[in-house]
Amino acid sequence: QAEEELKEACARQALQLQEMGRRERLLTADVGRAKEQLESFKTQVMRVCSPAAAGVAGKAVTEQQVIEKVRQISDKNQQSHEREKRLQEELSSRLSKEKEVSANVEVFKKSLQELQ
């Protein structure tokens, strides 16, 4: 009876090992697909960010290149927002001055009419 139980335990372990091997193969295939998708994504990002740098001489785009390019774009975007804000403030200031000048012109016109 002990020998029979040992055979059954060995058979269960063999099945478990087969299942673990199958799962390992699936995970390995998933990791391979994920790597391919990452490379494709990096190339797409670089193609959008800097067409000349994407896929130069068939070389793979490094993560550092993608990060640097995204950082550059982010910095340019921030600078554009700051410039837009400054221009809005300048425009607002000029409009206020224009209103003030217009009001002064109206006062001047009224004073001139009263003098006549």
PDB file of N, CA and C in Angstrom:
ATOM      1  N   GLN A   1       0.829  -1.194   0.000  1.00  0.00           N
ATOM      2  CA  GLN A   1       0.000   0.000   0.000  1.00  0.00           C
ATOM      3  C   GLN A   1       0.880   1.267   0.000  1.00  0.00           C
ATOM      4  N   ALA A   2       1.957   1.274   0.758  1.00  0.00           N
ATOM      5  CA  ALA A   2       2.864   2.425   0.807  1.00  0.00           C
ATOM      6  C   ALA A   2       3.483   2.648  -0.568  1.00  0.00           C
ATOM      7  N   GLU A   3       3.806   1.551  -1.250  1.00  0.00           N
ATOM      8  CA  GLU A   3       4.397   1.664  -2.598  1.00  0.00           C
ATOM      9  C   GLU A   3       3.389   2.282  -3.558  1.00  0.00           C
ATOM     10  N   GLU A   4       2.143   1.908  -3.447  1.00  0.00           N
ATOM     11  CA  GLU A   4       1.075   2.446  -4.299  1.00  0.00           C
ATOM     12  C   GLU A   4       0.892   3.937  -4.038  1.00  0.00           C
ATOM     13  N   GLU A   5       0.901   4.330  -2.764  1.00  0.00           N
ATOM     14  CA  GLU A   5       0.764   5.745  -2.420  1.00  0.00           C
ATOM     15  C   GLU A   5       1.941   6.546  -2.950  1.00  0.00           C
ATOM     16  N   LEU A   6       3.139   5.954  -2.861  1.00  0.00           N
ATOM     17  CA  LEU A   6       4.340   6.619  -3.369  1.00  0.00           C
ATOM     18  C   LEU A   6       4.255   6.806  -4.877  1.00  0.00           C
ATOM     19  N   LYS A   7       3.751   5.802  -5.582  1.00  0.00           N
ATOM     20  CA  LYS A   7       3.586   5.906  -7.039  1.00  0.00           C
ATOM     21  C   LYS A   7       2.588   7.019  -7.382  1.00  0.00           C
ATOM     22  N   GLU A   8       1.495   7.087  -6.622  1.00  0.00           N
ATOM     23  CA  GLU A   8       0.487   8.121  -6.861  1.00  0.00           C
ATOM     24  C   GLU A   8       1.074   9.514  -6.601  1.00  0.00           C
ATOM     25  N   ALA A   9       1.852   9.647  -5.530  1.00  0.00           N
ATOM     26  CA  ALA A   9       2.474  10.931  -5.199  1.00  0.00           C
ATOM     27  C   ALA A   9       3.448  11.336  -6.302  1.00  0.00           C
ATOM     28  N   CYS A  10       4.194  10.379  -6.809  1.00  0.00           N
ATOM     29  CA  CYS A  10       5.135  10.661  -7.900  1.00  0.00           C
ATOM     30  C   CYS A  10       4.386  11.077  -9.156  1.00  0.00           C
ATOM     31  N   ALA A  11       3.276  10.418  -9.429  1.00  0.00           N
ATOM     32  CA  ALA A  11       2.475  10.755 -10.610  1.00  0.00           C
ATOM     33  C   ALA A  11       1.919  12.177 -10.466  1.00  0.00           C
ATOM     34  N   ARG A  12       1.443  12.519  -9.254  1.00  0.00           N
ATOM     35  CA  ARG A  12       0.924  13.882  -9.027  1.00  0.00           C
ATOM     36  C   ARG A  12       2.038  14.914  -9.219  1.00  0.00           C
ATOM     37  N   GLN A  13       3.212  14.609  -8.687  1.00  0.00           N
ATOM     38  CA  GLN A  13       4.325  15.536  -8.828  1.00  0.00           C
ATOM     39  C   GLN A  13       4.733  15.683 -10.286  1.00  0.00           C
ATOM     40  N   ALA A  14       4.686  14.613 -11.029  1.00  0.00           N
ATOM     41  CA  ALA A  14       5.025  14.665 -12.450  1.00  0.00           C
ATOM     42  C   ALA A  14       4.033  15.565 -13.183  1.00  0.00           C
ATOM     43  N   LEU A  15       2.741  15.431 -12.848  1.00  0.00           N
ATOM     44  CA  LEU A  15       1.726  16.286 -13.458  1.00  0.00           C
ATOM     45  C   LEU A  15       1.945  17.753 -13.070  1.00  0.00           C
ATOM     46  N   GLN A  16       2.288  17.973 -11.809  1.00  0.00           N
ATOM     47  CA  GLN A  16       2.540  19.340 -11.354  1.00  0.00           C
ATOM     48  C   GLN A  16       3.744  19.940 -12.090  1.00  0.00           C
ATOM     49  N   LEU A  17       4.789  19.128 -12.262  1.00  0.00           N
ATOM     50  CA  LEU A  17       5.966  19.602 -12.993  1.00  0.00           C
ATOM     51  C   LEU A  17       5.628  19.911 -14.449  1.00  0.00           C
ATOM     52  N   GLN A  18       4.805  19.092 -15.059  1.00  0.00           N
ATOM     53  CA  GLN A  18       4.390  19.355 -16.439  1.00  0.00           C
ATOM     54  C   GLN A  18       3.604  20.668 -16.521  1.00  0.00           C
ATOM     55  N   GLU A  19       2.708  20.862 -15.555  1.00  0.00           N
ATOM     56  CA  GLU A  19       1.908  22.097 -15.524  1.00  0.00           C
ATOM     57  C   GLU A  19       2.801  23.314 -15.309  1.00  0.00           C
ATOM     58  N   MET A  20       3.771  23.187 -14.411  1.00  0.00           N
ATOM     59  CA  MET A  20       4.692  24.291 -14.179  1.00  0.00           C
ATOM     60  C   MET A  20       5.505  24.596 -15.430  1.00  0.00           C
ATOM     61  N   GLY A  21       5.920  23.557 -16.146  1.00  0.00           N
ATOM     62  CA  GLY A  21       6.664  23.750 -17.400  1.00  0.00           C
ATOM     63  C   GLY A  21       5.804  24.460 -18.439  1.00  0.00           C
ATOM     64  N   ARG A  22       4.539  24.064 -18.529  1.00  0.00           N
ATOM     65  CA  ARG A  22       3.623  24.699 -19.479  1.00  0.00           C
ATOM     66  C   ARG A  22       3.445  26.174 -19.128  1.00  0.00           C
ATOM     67  N   ARG A  23       3.256  26.460 -17.838  1.00  0.00           N
ATOM     68  CA  ARG A  23       3.095  27.861 -17.401  1.00  0.00           C
ATOM     69  C   ARG A  23       4.357  28.670 -17.682  1.00  0.00           C
ATOM     70  N   GLU A  24       5.507  28.058 -17.450  1.00  0.00           N
ATOM     71  CA  GLU A  24       6.775  28.748 -17.721  1.00  0.00           C
ATOM     72  C   GLU A  24       6.901  29.092 -19.196  1.00  0.00           C
ATOM     73  N   ARG A  25       6.533  28.155 -20.073  1.00  0.00           N
ATOM     74  CA  ARG A  25       6.591  28.431 -21.514  1.00  0.00           C
ATOM     75  C   ARG A  25       5.639  29.560 -21.902  1.00  0.00           C
ATOM     76  N   LEU A  26       4.433  29.561 -21.304  1.00  0.00           N
ATOM     77  CA  LEU A  26       3.473  30.636 -21.583  1.00  0.00           C
ATOM     78  C   LEU A  26       4.010  31.991 -21.111  1.00  0.00           C
ATOM     79  N   LEU A  27       4.571  32.005 -19.904  1.00  0.00           N
ATOM     80  CA  LEU A  27       5.123  33.252 -19.381  1.00  0.00           C
ATOM     81  C   LEU A  27       6.294  33.743 -20.226  1.00  0.00           C
ATOM     82  N   THR A  28       7.129  32.838 -20.663  1.00  0.00           N
ATOM     83  CA  THR A  28       8.261  33.216 -21.513  1.00  0.00           C
ATOM     84  C   THR A  28       7.764  33.817 -22.819  1.00  0.00           C
ATOM     85  N   ALA A  29       6.734  33.227 -23.378  1.00  0.00           N
ATOM     86  CA  ALA A  29       6.167  33.760 -24.621  1.00  0.00           C
ATOM     87  C   ALA A  29       5.552  35.142 -24.369  1.00  0.00           C
ATOM     88  N   ASP A  30       4.880  35.311 -23.232  1.00  0.00           N
ATOM     89  CA  ASP A  30       4.295  36.611 -22.883  1.00  0.00           C
ATOM     90  C   ASP A  30       5.377  37.677 -22.727  1.00  0.00           C
ATOM     91  N   VAL A  31       6.471  37.312 -22.071  1.00  0.00           N
ATOM     92  CA  VAL A  31       7.575  38.258 -21.888  1.00  0.00           C
ATOM     93  C   VAL A  31       8.154  38.649 -23.250  1.00  0.00           C
ATOM     94  N   GLY A  32       8.292  37.684 -24.136  1.00  0.00           N
ATOM     95  CA  GLY A  32       8.802  37.975 -25.483  1.00  0.00           C
ATOM     96  C   GLY A  32       7.901  38.950 -26.225  1.00  0.00           C
ATOM     97  N   ARG A  33       6.598  38.715 -26.148  1.00  0.00           N
ATOM     98  CA  ARG A  33       5.640  39.622 -26.810  1.00  0.00           C
ATOM     99  C   ARG A  33       5.698  41.014 -26.189  1.00  0.00           C
ATOM    100  N   ALA A  34       5.815  41.075 -24.865  1.00  0.00           N
ATOM    101  CA  ALA A  34       5.885  42.374 -24.178  1.00  0.00           C
ATOM    102  C   ALA A  34       7.132  43.138 -24.609  1.00  0.00           C
ATOM    103  N   LYS A  35       8.251  42.448 -24.751  1.00  0.00           N
ATOM    104  CA  LYS A  35       9.491  43.097 -25.210  1.00  0.00           C
ATOM    105  C   LYS A  35       9.315  43.648 -26.614  1.00  0.00           C
ATOM    106  N   GLU A  36       8.702  42.861 -27.488  1.00  0.00           N
ATOM    107  CA  GLU A  36       8.460  43.319 -28.861  1.00  0.00           C
ATOM    108  C   GLU A  36       7.554  44.547 -28.868  1.00  0.00           C
ATOM    109  N   GLN A  37       6.503  44.528 -28.035  1.00  0.00           N
ATOM    110  CA  GLN A  37       5.586  45.665 -27.965  1.00  0.00           C
ATOM    111  C   GLN A  37       6.303  46.907 -27.438  1.00  0.00           C
ATOM    112  N   LEU A  38       7.182  46.731 -26.458  1.00  0.00           N
ATOM    113  CA  LEU A  38       7.930  47.863 -25.910  1.00  0.00           C
ATOM    114  C   LEU A  38       8.835  48.460 -26.978  1.00  0.00           C
ATOM    115  N   GLU A  39       9.544  47.628 -27.711  1.00  0.00           N
ATOM    116  CA  GLU A  39      10.418  48.126 -28.777  1.00  0.00           C
ATOM    117  C   GLU A  39       9.609  48.864 -29.833  1.00  0.00           C
ATOM    118  N   SER A  40       8.464  48.314 -30.178  1.00  0.00           N
ATOM    119  CA  SER A  40       7.606  48.959 -31.166  1.00  0.00           C
ATOM    120  C   SER A  40       7.118  50.308 -30.645  1.00  0.00           C
ATOM    121  N   PHE A  41       6.716  50.350 -29.378  1.00  0.00           N
ATOM    122  CA  PHE A  41       6.240  51.596 -28.782  1.00  0.00           C
ATOM    123  C   PHE A  41       7.349  52.641 -28.755  1.00  0.00           C
ATOM    124  N   LYS A  42       8.556  52.240 -28.331  1.00  0.00           N
ATOM    125  CA  LYS A  42       9.671  53.182 -28.286  1.00  0.00           C
ATOM    126  C   LYS A  42       9.959  53.743 -29.681  1.00  0.00           C
ATOM    127  N   THR A  43       9.931  52.880 -30.669  1.00  0.00           N
ATOM    128  CA  THR A  43      10.190  53.335 -32.036  1.00  0.00           C
ATOM    129  C   THR A  43       9.102  54.300 -32.493  1.00  0.00           C
ATOM    130  N   GLN A  44       7.852  53.998 -32.171  1.00  0.00           N
ATOM    131  CA  GLN A  44       6.751  54.890 -32.544  1.00  0.00           C
ATOM    132  C   GLN A  44       6.889  56.250 -31.865  1.00  0.00           C
ATOM    133  N   VAL A  45       7.246  56.240 -30.577  1.00  0.00           N
ATOM    134  CA  VAL A  45       7.420  57.499 -29.857  1.00  0.00           C
ATOM    135  C   VAL A  45       8.526  58.308 -30.512  1.00  0.00           C
ATOM    136  N   MET A  46       9.631  57.679 -30.807  1.00  0.00           N
ATOM    137  CA  MET A  46      10.750  58.393 -31.426  1.00  0.00           C
ATOM    138  C   MET A  46      10.394  58.867 -32.834  1.00  0.00           C
ATOM    139  N   ARG A  47       9.617  58.083 -33.546  1.00  0.00           N
ATOM    140  CA  ARG A  47       9.213  58.483 -34.898  1.00  0.00           C
ATOM    141  C   ARG A  47       8.358  59.743 -34.841  1.00  0.00           C
ATOM    142  N   VAL A  48       7.488  59.804 -33.829  1.00  0.00           N
ATOM    143  CA  VAL A  48       6.634  60.976 -33.665  1.00  0.00           C
ATOM    144  C   VAL A  48       7.456  62.161 -33.153  1.00  0.00           C
ATOM    145  N   CYS A  49       8.318  61.897 -32.174  1.00  0.00           N
ATOM    146  CA  CYS A  49       9.084  62.979 -31.547  1.00  0.00           C
ATOM    147  C   CYS A  49      10.205  63.491 -32.436  1.00  0.00           C
ATOM    148  N   SER A  50      10.880  62.589 -33.083  1.00  0.00           N
ATOM    149  CA  SER A  50      12.045  62.967 -33.879  1.00  0.00           C
ATOM    150  C   SER A  50      12.214  61.960 -35.010  1.00  0.00           C
ATOM    151  N   PRO A  51      11.545  62.204 -36.132  1.00  0.00           N
ATOM    152  CA  PRO A  51      11.590  61.237 -37.232  1.00  0.00           C
ATOM    153  C   PRO A  51      13.003  60.882 -37.681  1.00  0.00           C
ATOM    154  N   ALA A  52      13.926  61.829 -37.619  1.00  0.00           N
ATOM    155  CA  ALA A  52      15.289  61.553 -38.072  1.00  0.00           C
ATOM    156  C   ALA A  52      16.011  60.587 -37.150  1.00  0.00           C
ATOM    157  N   ALA A  53      15.647  60.592 -35.856  1.00  0.00           N
ATOM    158  CA  ALA A  53      16.344  59.740 -34.885  1.00  0.00           C
ATOM    159  C   ALA A  53      15.768  58.332 -34.813  1.00  0.00           C
ATOM    160  N   ALA A  54      14.570  58.149 -35.324  1.00  0.00           N
ATOM    161  CA  ALA A  54      13.913  56.846 -35.196  1.00  0.00           C
ATOM    162  C   ALA A  54      14.513  55.835 -36.145  1.00  0.00           C
ATOM    163  N   GLY A  55      14.938  54.729 -35.598  1.00  0.00           N
ATOM    164  CA  GLY A  55      15.421  53.625 -36.416  1.00  0.00           C
ATOM    165  C   GLY A  55      16.629  53.959 -37.264  1.00  0.00           C
ATOM    166  N   VAL A  56      17.563  54.752 -36.746  1.00  0.00           N
ATOM    167  CA  VAL A  56      18.756  55.119 -37.498  1.00  0.00           C
ATOM    168  C   VAL A  56      19.578  53.866 -37.763  1.00  0.00           C
ATOM    169  N   ALA A  57      19.821  53.588 -39.028  1.00  0.00           N
ATOM    170  CA  ALA A  57      20.632  52.437 -39.450  1.00  0.00           C
ATOM    171  C   ALA A  57      20.140  51.143 -38.814  1.00  0.00           C
ATOM    172  N   GLY A  58      18.848  51.036 -38.576  1.00  0.00           N
ATOM    173  CA  GLY A  58      18.264  49.804 -38.052  1.00  0.00           C
ATOM    174  C   GLY A  58      18.552  49.557 -36.585  1.00  0.00           C
ATOM    175  N   LYS A  59      19.167  50.526 -35.893  1.00  0.00           N
ATOM    176  CA  LYS A  59      19.468  50.340 -34.471  1.00  0.00           C
ATOM    177  C   LYS A  59      18.196  50.504 -33.645  1.00  0.00           C
ATOM    178  N   ALA A  60      18.127  49.748 -32.563  1.00  0.00           N
ATOM    179  CA  ALA A  60      16.976  49.861 -31.663  1.00  0.00           C
ATOM    180  C   ALA A  60      17.075  51.177 -30.891  1.00  0.00           C
ATOM    181  N   VAL A  61      15.948  51.778 -30.660  1.00  0.00           N
ATOM    182  CA  VAL A  61      15.889  53.014 -29.894  1.00  0.00           C
ATOM    183  C   VAL A  61      16.002  52.670 -28.418  1.00  0.00           C
ATOM    184  N   THR A  62      16.879  53.383 -27.716  1.00  0.00           N
ATOM    185  CA  THR A  62      17.037  53.089 -26.288  1.00  0.00           C
ATOM    186  C   THR A  62      15.969  53.803 -25.476  1.00  0.00           C
ATOM    187  N   GLU A  63      15.713  53.269 -24.299  1.00  0.00           N
ATOM    188  CA  GLU A  63      14.743  53.896 -23.408  1.00  0.00           C
ATOM    189  C   GLU A  63      15.203  55.292 -23.022  1.00  0.00           C
ATOM    190  N   GLN A  64      16.516  55.454 -22.848  1.00  0.00           N
ATOM    191  CA  GLN A  64      17.058  56.765 -22.479  1.00  0.00           C
ATOM    192  C   GLN A  64      16.792  57.790 -23.579  1.00  0.00           C
ATOM    193  N   GLN A  65      16.891  57.375 -24.849  1.00  0.00           N
ATOM    194  CA  GLN A  65      16.594  58.291 -25.952  1.00  0.00           C
ATOM    195  C   GLN A  65      15.135  58.721 -25.914  1.00  0.00           C
ATOM    196  N   VAL A  66      14.251  57.774 -25.664  1.00  0.00           N
ATOM    197  CA  VAL A  66      12.823  58.092 -25.595  1.00  0.00           C
ATOM    198  C   VAL A  66      12.564  59.046 -24.437  1.00  0.00           C
ATOM    199  N   ILE A  67      13.135  58.740 -23.276  1.00  0.00           N
ATOM    200  CA  ILE A  67      12.935  59.587 -22.096  1.00  0.00           C
ATOM    201  C   ILE A  67      13.452  60.992 -22.363  1.00  0.00           C
ATOM    202  N   GLU A  68      14.639  61.102 -22.949  1.00  0.00           N
ATOM    203  CA  GLU A  68      15.224  62.418 -23.229  1.00  0.00           C
ATOM    204  C   GLU A  68      14.362  63.197 -24.211  1.00  0.00           C
ATOM    205  N   LYS A  69      13.868  62.533 -25.234  1.00  0.00           N
ATOM    206  CA  LYS A  69      13.046  63.224 -26.233  1.00  0.00           C
ATOM    207  C   LYS A  69      11.740  63.694 -25.608  1.00  0.00           C
ATOM    208  N   VAL A  70      11.107  62.856 -24.800  1.00  0.00           N
ATOM    209  CA  VAL A  70       9.865  63.246 -24.129  1.00  0.00           C
ATOM    210  C   VAL A  70      10.139  64.408 -23.174  1.00  0.00           C
ATOM    211  N   ARG A  71      11.274  64.374 -22.490  1.00  0.00           N
ATOM    212  CA  ARG A  71      11.649  65.472 -21.586  1.00  0.00           C
ATOM    213  C   ARG A  71      11.821  66.776 -22.371  1.00  0.00           C
ATOM    214  N   GLN A  72      12.481  66.699 -23.529  1.00  0.00           N
ATOM    215  CA  GLN A  72      12.669  67.891 -24.361  1.00  0.00           C
ATOM    216  C   GLN A  72      11.322  68.468 -24.793  1.00  0.00           C
ATOM    217  N   ILE A  73      10.428  67.603 -25.215  1.00  0.00           N
ATOM    218  CA  ILE A  73       9.106  68.054 -25.654  1.00  0.00           C
ATOM    219  C   ILE A  73       8.355  68.682 -24.478  1.00  0.00           C
ATOM    220  N   SER A  74       8.462  68.069 -23.319  1.00  0.00           N
ATOM    221  CA  SER A  74       7.801  68.600 -22.126  1.00  0.00           C
ATOM    222  C   SER A  74       8.354  69.978 -21.777  1.00  0.00           C
ATOM    223  N   ASP A  75       9.680  70.131 -21.849  1.00  0.00           N
ATOM    224  CA  ASP A  75      10.293  71.427 -21.561  1.00  0.00           C
ATOM    225  C   ASP A  75       9.823  72.492 -22.548  1.00  0.00           C
ATOM    226  N   LYS A  76       9.787  72.152 -23.820  1.00  0.00           N
ATOM    227  CA  LYS A  76       9.318  73.100 -24.836  1.00  0.00           C
ATOM    228  C   LYS A  76       7.869  73.479 -24.579  1.00  0.00           C
ATOM    229  N   ASN A  77       7.069  72.502 -24.201  1.00  0.00           N
ATOM    230  CA  ASN A  77       5.656  72.750 -23.896  1.00  0.00           C
ATOM    231  C   ASN A  77       5.532  73.711 -22.716  1.00  0.00           C
ATOM    232  N   GLN A  78       6.328  73.493 -21.677  1.00  0.00           N
ATOM    233  CA  GLN A  78       6.308  74.365 -20.504  1.00  0.00           C
ATOM    234  C   GLN A  78       6.722  75.784 -20.888  1.00  0.00           C
ATOM    235  N   GLN A  79       7.761  75.900 -21.698  1.00  0.00           N
ATOM    236  CA  GLN A  79       8.216  77.224 -22.142  1.00  0.00           C
ATOM    237  C   GLN A  79       7.131  77.924 -22.954  1.00  0.00           C
ATOM    238  N   SER A  80       6.447  77.172 -23.788  1.00  0.00           N
ATOM    239  CA  SER A  80       5.367  77.756 -24.584  1.00  0.00           C
ATOM    240  C   SER A  80       4.239  78.262 -23.694  1.00  0.00           C
ATOM    241  N   HIS A  81       3.901  77.494 -22.668  1.00  0.00           N
ATOM    242  CA  HIS A  81       2.850  77.917 -21.736  1.00  0.00           C
ATOM    243  C   HIS A  81       3.260  79.197 -20.996  1.00  0.00           C
ATOM    244  N   GLU A  82       4.517  79.243 -20.582  1.00  0.00           N
ATOM    245  CA  GLU A  82       5.002  80.432 -19.874  1.00  0.00           C
ATOM    246  C   GLU A  82       4.987  81.650 -20.807  1.00  0.00           C
ATOM    247  N   ARG A  83       5.409  81.468 -22.047  1.00  0.00           N
ATOM    248  CA  ARG A  83       5.401  82.569 -23.016  1.00  0.00           C
ATOM    249  C   ARG A  83       3.961  83.027 -23.282  1.00  0.00           C
ATOM    250  N   GLU A  84       3.051  82.064 -23.432  1.00  0.00           N
ATOM    251  CA  GLU A  84       1.647  82.403 -23.655  1.00  0.00           C
ATOM    252  C   GLU A  84       1.102  83.213 -22.482  1.00  0.00           C
ATOM    253  N   LYS A  85       1.461  82.823 -21.263  1.00  0.00           N
ATOM    254  CA  LYS A  85       1.003  83.533 -20.070  1.00  0.00           C
ATOM    255  C   LYS A  85       1.535  84.967 -20.069  1.00  0.00           C
ATOM    256  N   ARG A  86       2.829  85.135 -20.381  1.00  0.00           N
ATOM    257  CA  ARG A  86       3.412  86.476 -20.435  1.00  0.00           C
ATOM    258  C   ARG A  86       2.723  87.335 -21.489  1.00  0.00           C
ATOM    259  N   LEU A  87       2.449  86.752 -22.657  1.00  0.00           N
ATOM    260  CA  LEU A  87       1.790  87.496 -23.729  1.00  0.00           C
ATOM    261  C   LEU A  87       0.369  87.885 -23.335  1.00  0.00           C
ATOM    262  N   GLN A  88      -0.330  86.970 -22.634  1.00  0.00           N
ATOM    263  CA  GLN A  88      -1.683  87.281 -22.158  1.00  0.00           C
ATOM    264  C   GLN A  88      -1.639  88.451 -21.173  1.00  0.00           C
ATOM    265  N   GLU A  89      -0.661  88.424 -20.272  1.00  0.00           N
ATOM    266  CA  GLU A  89      -0.524  89.513 -19.300  1.00  0.00           C
ATOM    267  C   GLU A  89      -0.217  90.830 -20.013  1.00  0.00           C
ATOM    268  N   GLU A  90       0.670  90.781 -20.998  1.00  0.00           N
ATOM    269  CA  GLU A  90       1.021  91.982 -21.756  1.00  0.00           C
ATOM    270  C   GLU A  90      -0.196  92.515 -22.504  1.00  0.00           C
ATOM    271  N   LEU A  91      -0.944  91.616 -23.117  1.00  0.00           N
ATOM    272  CA  LEU A  91      -2.152  92.017 -23.845  1.00  0.00           C
ATOM    273  C   LEU A  91      -3.163  92.654 -22.896  1.00  0.00           C
ATOM    274  N   SER A  92      -3.349  92.043 -21.751  1.00  0.00           N
ATOM    275  CA  SER A  92      -4.277  92.570 -20.761  1.00  0.00           C
ATOM    276  C   SER A  92      -3.838  93.968 -20.320  1.00  0.00           C
ATOM    277  N   SER A  93      -2.554  94.136 -20.091  1.00  0.00           N
ATOM    278  CA  SER A  93      -2.019  95.436 -19.684  1.00  0.00           C
ATOM    279  C   SER A  93      -2.258  96.480 -20.775  1.00  0.00           C
ATOM    280  N   ARG A  94      -2.004  96.121 -22.018  1.00  0.00           N
ATOM    281  CA  ARG A  94      -2.203  97.060 -23.131  1.00  0.00           C
ATOM    282  C   ARG A  94      -3.676  97.418 -23.292  1.00  0.00           C
ATOM    283  N   LEU A  95      -4.555  96.440 -23.101  1.00  0.00           N
ATOM    284  CA  LEU A  95      -5.987  96.729 -23.196  1.00  0.00           C
ATOM    285  C   LEU A  95      -6.425  97.690 -22.093  1.00  0.00           C
ATOM    286  N   SER A  96      -5.883  97.500 -20.896  1.00  0.00           N
ATOM    287  CA  SER A  96      -6.210  98.412 -19.789  1.00  0.00           C
ATOM    288  C   SER A  96      -5.743  99.827 -20.116  1.00  0.00           C
ATOM    289  N   LYS A  97      -4.531  99.954 -20.637  1.00  0.00           N
ATOM    290  CA  LYS A  97      -4.009 101.271 -21.001  1.00  0.00           C
ATOM    291  C   LYS A  97      -4.848 101.898 -22.108  1.00  0.00           C
ATOM    292  N   GLU A  98      -5.259 101.063 -23.063  1.00  0.00           N
ATOM    293  CA  GLU A  98      -6.076 101.572 -24.170  1.00  0.00           C
ATOM    294  C   GLU A  98      -7.416 102.091 -23.644  1.00  0.00           C
ATOM    295  N   LYS A  99      -8.012 101.364 -22.703  1.00  0.00           N
ATOM    296  CA  LYS A  99      -9.271 101.827 -22.108  1.00  0.00           C
ATOM    297  C   LYS A  99      -9.068 103.143 -21.370  1.00  0.00           C
ATOM    298  N   GLU A 100      -7.963 103.236 -20.658  1.00  0.00           N
ATOM    299  CA  GLU A 100      -7.659 104.457 -19.921  1.00  0.00           C
ATOM    300  C   GLU A 100      -7.478 105.641 -20.882  1.00  0.00           C
ATOM    301  N   VAL A 101      -6.747 105.409 -21.967  1.00  0.00           N
ATOM    302  CA  VAL A 101      -6.532 106.460 -22.963  1.00  0.00           C
ATOM    303  C   VAL A 101      -7.868 106.855 -23.596  1.00  0.00           C
ATOM    304  N   SER A 102      -8.688 105.864 -23.912  1.00  0.00           N
ATOM    305  CA  SER A 102     -10.002 106.156 -24.503  1.00  0.00           C
ATOM    306  C   SER A 102     -10.852 106.992 -23.555  1.00  0.00           C
ATOM    307  N   ALA A 103     -10.821 106.640 -22.281  1.00  0.00           N
ATOM    308  CA  ALA A 103     -11.580 107.403 -21.291  1.00  0.00           C
ATOM    309  C   ALA A 103     -11.053 108.829 -21.210  1.00  0.00           C
ATOM    310  N   ASN A 104      -9.736 108.993 -21.239  1.00  0.00           N
ATOM    311  CA  ASN A 104      -9.138 110.331 -21.197  1.00  0.00           C
ATOM    312  C   ASN A 104      -9.511 111.137 -22.438  1.00  0.00           C
ATOM    313  N   VAL A 105      -9.553 110.480 -23.601  1.00  0.00           N
ATOM    314  CA  VAL A 105      -9.931 111.158 -24.840  1.00  0.00           C
ATOM    315  C   VAL A 105     -11.374 111.644 -24.732  1.00  0.00           C
ATOM    316  N   GLU A 106     -12.249 110.816 -24.173  1.00  0.00           N
ATOM    317  CA  GLU A 106     -13.647 111.209 -24.008  1.00  0.00           C
ATOM    318  C   GLU A 106     -13.772 112.424 -23.084  1.00  0.00           C
ATOM    319  N   VAL A 107     -13.024 112.393 -22.002  1.00  0.00           N
ATOM    320  CA  VAL A 107     -13.035 113.530 -21.074  1.00  0.00           C
ATOM    321  C   VAL A 107     -12.524 114.779 -21.788  1.00  0.00           C
ATOM    322  N   PHE A 108     -11.469 114.618 -22.549  1.00  0.00           N
ATOM    323  CA  PHE A 108     -10.898 115.738 -23.296  1.00  0.00           C
ATOM    324  C   PHE A 108     -11.908 116.290 -24.302  1.00  0.00           C
ATOM    325  N   LYS A 109     -12.613 115.374 -25.019  1.00  0.00           N
ATOM    326  CA  LYS A 109     -13.621 115.805 -25.996  1.00  0.00           C
ATOM    327  C   LYS A 109     -14.728 116.607 -25.315  1.00  0.00           C
ATOM    328  N   LYS A 110     -15.199 116.101 -24.161  1.00  0.00           N
ATOM    329  CA  LYS A 110     -16.265 116.797 -23.434  1.00  0.00           C
ATOM    330  C   LYS A 110     -15.786 118.189 -22.984  1.00  0.00           C
ATOM    331  N   SER A 111     -14.558 118.230 -22.491  1.00  0.00           N
ATOM    332  CA  SER A 111     -14.016 119.523 -22.049  1.00  0.00           C
ATOM    333  C   SER A 111     -13.886 120.482 -23.226  1.00  0.00           C
ATOM    334  N   LEU A 112     -13.471 119.960 -24.351  1.00  0.00           N
ATOM    335  CA  LEU A 112     -13.329 120.786 -25.551  1.00  0.00           C
ATOM    336  C   LEU A 112     -14.670 121.294 -26.005  1.00  0.00           C
ATOM    337  N   GLN A 113     -15.690 120.461 -25.975  1.00  0.00           N
ATOM    338  CA  GLN A 113     -17.031 120.869 -26.388  1.00  0.00           C
ATOM    339  C   GLN A 113     -17.581 121.943 -25.434  1.00  0.00           C
ATOM    340  N   GLU A 114     -17.290 121.781 -24.163  1.00  0.00           N
ATOM    341  CA  GLU A 114     -17.768 122.762 -23.192  1.00  0.00           C
ATOM    342  C   GLU A 114     -17.112 124.127 -23.410  1.00  0.00           C
ATOM    343  N   LEU A 115     -15.835 124.077 -23.794  1.00  0.00           N
ATOM    344  CA  LEU A 115     -15.124 125.324 -24.059  1.00  0.00           C
ATOM    345  C   LEU A 115     -15.663 126.048 -25.297  1.00  0.00           C
ATOM    346  N   GLN A 116     -16.129 125.256 -26.256  1.00  0.00           N
ATOM    347  CA  GLN A 116     -16.639 125.866 -27.484  1.00  0.00           C
ATOM    348  C   GLN A 116     -18.019 126.414 -27.202  1.00  0.00           C
TER     349      GLN A 116
END
